Amino acid sequence: MSTPIERLVVLMLENRSFDHLLGFLKRENPKINGLTGNEANPPARDNRPDVQVSDAAGDIQDLDPGPWHDF
């Protein structure tokens, strides 16, 4: 039986989600199950507004110094 799938790529990235890296690709291709920009996460503490998604995420320079890694 043949299938139209030619390649399967698996990304395994430390502490990065699909939405963080590629979520806004939906703008380029509506078939992608990505972000619309209307999504939000609940706040970490009470009495704060929801945290709205954004495509303005910084790069690795925002993590200087980087978060502590430990077992």
N, C-alpha and C. Protein backbone atom coordinates (compact mmCIF):
# COMPACT_ATOMS: atom_id res chain seq x y z
N MET A 1 0.84 -1.17 0.00
CA MET A 1 0.00 0.00 0.00
C MET A 1 0.90 1.24 0.00
N SER A 2 0.66 2.18 -0.88
CA SER A 2 1.48 3.40 -0.94
C SER A 2 0.85 4.50 -0.10
N THR A 3 1.68 5.44 0.27
CA THR A 3 1.22 6.58 1.07
C THR A 3 1.82 7.86 0.49
N PRO A 4 1.12 9.00 0.59
CA PRO A 4 1.67 10.25 0.07
C PRO A 4 2.79 10.82 0.94
N ILE A 5 3.01 10.25 2.12
CA ILE A 5 4.06 10.75 3.01
C ILE A 5 5.41 10.27 2.50
N GLU A 6 6.29 11.23 2.23
CA GLU A 6 7.63 10.89 1.74
C GLU A 6 8.67 10.94 2.84
N ARG A 7 8.50 11.85 3.81
CA ARG A 7 9.47 12.00 4.88
C ARG A 7 8.75 12.29 6.19
N LEU A 8 9.34 11.83 7.26
CA LEU A 8 8.85 12.15 8.59
C LEU A 8 10.03 12.72 9.37
N VAL A 9 9.86 13.93 9.87
CA VAL A 9 10.93 14.59 10.62
C VAL A 9 10.47 14.71 12.07
N VAL A 10 11.30 14.29 12.99
CA VAL A 10 11.00 14.40 14.42
C VAL A 10 12.00 15.38 15.01
N LEU A 11 11.48 16.45 15.61
CA LEU A 11 12.33 17.43 16.28
C LEU A 11 12.31 17.13 17.77
N MET A 12 13.47 16.95 18.34
CA MET A 12 13.59 16.76 19.79
C MET A 12 14.47 17.89 20.31
N LEU A 13 13.82 18.89 20.86
CA LEU A 13 14.52 20.09 21.29
C LEU A 13 14.29 20.31 22.78
N GLU A 14 15.33 20.65 23.48
CA GLU A 14 15.24 20.83 24.92
C GLU A 14 14.39 22.06 25.26
N ASN A 15 13.34 21.83 26.03
CA ASN A 15 12.50 22.91 26.57
C ASN A 15 11.89 23.81 25.51
N ARG A 16 11.66 23.31 24.34
CA ARG A 16 11.04 24.12 23.28
C ARG A 16 9.83 23.37 22.74
N SER A 17 8.73 24.05 22.60
CA SER A 17 7.54 23.41 22.07
C SER A 17 7.37 23.76 20.60
N PHE A 18 6.52 23.00 19.93
CA PHE A 18 6.20 23.30 18.53
C PHE A 18 5.67 24.72 18.41
N ASP A 19 4.75 25.08 19.31
CA ASP A 19 4.17 26.42 19.23
C ASP A 19 5.22 27.51 19.40
N HIS A 20 6.19 27.27 20.29
CA HIS A 20 7.21 28.28 20.52
C HIS A 20 8.07 28.50 19.28
N LEU A 21 8.40 27.43 18.59
CA LEU A 21 9.28 27.54 17.43
C LEU A 21 8.54 27.76 16.11
N LEU A 22 7.43 27.05 15.93
CA LEU A 22 6.79 27.05 14.61
C LEU A 22 5.30 27.35 14.66
N GLY A 23 4.77 27.71 15.80
CA GLY A 23 3.34 27.89 15.94
C GLY A 23 2.73 28.92 15.02
N PHE A 24 3.44 29.98 14.73
CA PHE A 24 2.89 31.04 13.89
C PHE A 24 3.06 30.78 12.39
N LEU A 25 3.53 29.58 12.01
CA LEU A 25 3.59 29.23 10.60
C LEU A 25 2.21 29.13 9.98
N LYS A 26 1.19 29.05 10.82
CA LYS A 26 -0.18 29.02 10.32
C LYS A 26 -0.48 30.25 9.47
N ARG A 27 0.19 31.34 9.73
CA ARG A 27 0.02 32.55 8.91
C ARG A 27 0.43 32.29 7.46
N GLU A 28 1.46 31.50 7.29
CA GLU A 28 1.97 31.19 5.96
C GLU A 28 1.18 30.07 5.29
N ASN A 29 0.72 29.12 6.10
CA ASN A 29 0.00 27.96 5.56
C ASN A 29 -1.14 27.62 6.51
N PRO A 30 -2.38 27.98 6.18
CA PRO A 30 -3.51 27.75 7.06
C PRO A 30 -3.78 26.28 7.38
N LYS A 31 -3.18 25.36 6.63
CA LYS A 31 -3.36 23.94 6.90
C LYS A 31 -2.61 23.51 8.16
N ILE A 32 -1.63 24.30 8.60
CA ILE A 32 -0.86 23.97 9.80
C ILE A 32 -1.73 24.22 11.02
N ASN A 33 -1.76 23.26 11.93
CA ASN A 33 -2.51 23.39 13.17
C ASN A 33 -1.65 24.19 14.15
N GLY A 34 -1.62 25.49 13.96
CA GLY A 34 -0.76 26.34 14.78
C GLY A 34 -1.55 27.38 15.54
N LEU A 35 -0.88 28.47 15.85
CA LEU A 35 -1.47 29.54 16.65
C LEU A 35 -2.15 30.59 15.79
N THR A 36 -3.24 31.15 16.32
CA THR A 36 -3.92 32.24 15.64
C THR A 36 -3.51 33.59 16.21
N GLY A 37 -2.96 33.58 17.43
CA GLY A 37 -2.61 34.82 18.12
C GLY A 37 -3.64 35.20 19.17
N ASN A 38 -4.75 34.46 19.23
CA ASN A 38 -5.79 34.73 20.22
C ASN A 38 -5.68 33.85 21.45
N GLU A 39 -4.72 32.95 21.49
CA GLU A 39 -4.56 32.03 22.61
C GLU A 39 -3.88 32.74 23.79
N ALA A 40 -4.15 32.20 24.98
CA ALA A 40 -3.53 32.75 26.19
C ALA A 40 -3.38 31.64 27.22
N ASN A 41 -2.44 31.82 28.12
CA ASN A 41 -2.23 30.92 29.24
C ASN A 41 -2.68 31.61 30.51
N PRO A 42 -3.19 30.85 31.48
CA PRO A 42 -3.55 31.49 32.75
C PRO A 42 -2.31 32.02 33.45
N PRO A 43 -2.47 33.03 34.28
CA PRO A 43 -1.31 33.61 34.98
C PRO A 43 -0.73 32.64 35.99
N ALA A 44 0.53 32.86 36.32
CA ALA A 44 1.20 32.02 37.32
C ALA A 44 0.69 32.33 38.73
N ARG A 45 0.22 33.53 38.94
CA ARG A 45 -0.29 33.95 40.26
C ARG A 45 -1.69 34.55 40.09
N ASP A 46 -2.44 34.52 41.17
CA ASP A 46 -3.77 35.11 41.14
C ASP A 46 -3.72 36.61 40.89
N ASN A 47 -4.84 37.14 40.44
CA ASN A 47 -5.02 38.58 40.23
C ASN A 47 -4.09 39.16 39.17
N ARG A 48 -3.68 38.35 38.23
CA ARG A 48 -2.88 38.85 37.12
C ARG A 48 -3.59 38.52 35.83
N PRO A 49 -3.36 39.30 34.78
CA PRO A 49 -4.03 39.00 33.51
C PRO A 49 -3.46 37.73 32.86
N ASP A 50 -4.24 37.14 31.97
CA ASP A 50 -3.75 36.00 31.20
C ASP A 50 -2.50 36.41 30.42
N VAL A 51 -1.65 35.45 30.12
CA VAL A 51 -0.44 35.70 29.34
C VAL A 51 -0.76 35.39 27.89
N GLN A 52 -0.85 36.41 27.08
CA GLN A 52 -1.22 36.28 25.67
C GLN A 52 -0.05 35.74 24.86
N VAL A 53 -0.34 34.85 23.90
CA VAL A 53 0.73 34.37 23.03
C VAL A 53 1.22 35.51 22.15
N SER A 54 2.46 35.40 21.70
CA SER A 54 3.06 36.46 20.90
C SER A 54 4.13 35.86 20.01
N ASP A 55 4.35 36.49 18.89
CA ASP A 55 5.45 36.06 18.01
C ASP A 55 6.70 36.89 18.27
N ALA A 56 6.74 37.59 19.39
CA ALA A 56 7.87 38.46 19.70
C ALA A 56 8.87 37.80 20.66
N ALA A 57 8.90 36.47 20.68
CA ALA A 57 9.84 35.78 21.57
C ALA A 57 11.28 36.11 21.16
N GLY A 58 12.10 36.25 22.16
CA GLY A 58 13.51 36.54 21.90
C GLY A 58 14.28 35.28 21.55
N ASP A 59 15.56 35.43 21.47
CA ASP A 59 16.41 34.28 21.15
C ASP A 59 17.24 33.91 22.37
N ILE A 60 18.25 33.15 22.16
CA ILE A 60 19.08 32.63 23.25
C ILE A 60 19.70 33.75 24.09
N GLN A 61 19.87 34.91 23.53
CA GLN A 61 20.47 36.03 24.27
C GLN A 61 19.59 36.46 25.44
N ASP A 62 18.29 36.12 25.37
CA ASP A 62 17.39 36.45 26.48
C ASP A 62 17.65 35.58 27.70
N LEU A 63 18.40 34.51 27.54
CA LEU A 63 18.66 33.57 28.64
C LEU A 63 20.11 33.69 29.10
N ASP A 64 20.54 34.87 29.42
CA ASP A 64 21.91 35.08 29.85
C ASP A 64 21.90 35.67 31.25
N PRO A 65 22.26 34.96 32.27
CA PRO A 65 22.77 33.60 32.21
C PRO A 65 21.65 32.61 32.00
N GLY A 66 21.98 31.47 31.46
CA GLY A 66 20.99 30.44 31.18
C GLY A 66 20.42 29.86 32.46
N PRO A 67 19.25 29.22 32.35
CA PRO A 67 18.67 28.60 33.52
C PRO A 67 19.54 27.46 34.05
N TRP A 68 19.47 27.21 35.35
CA TRP A 68 20.27 26.19 35.99
C TRP A 68 19.81 24.82 35.54
N HIS A 69 20.74 23.93 35.20
CA HIS A 69 20.42 22.56 34.83
C HIS A 69 21.00 21.64 35.90
N ASP A 70 20.16 20.76 36.41
CA ASP A 70 20.59 19.88 37.47
C ASP A 70 19.75 18.62 37.43
N PHE A 71 20.30 17.54 38.00
CA PHE A 71 19.55 16.30 38.09
C PHE A 71 18.91 16.20 39.45
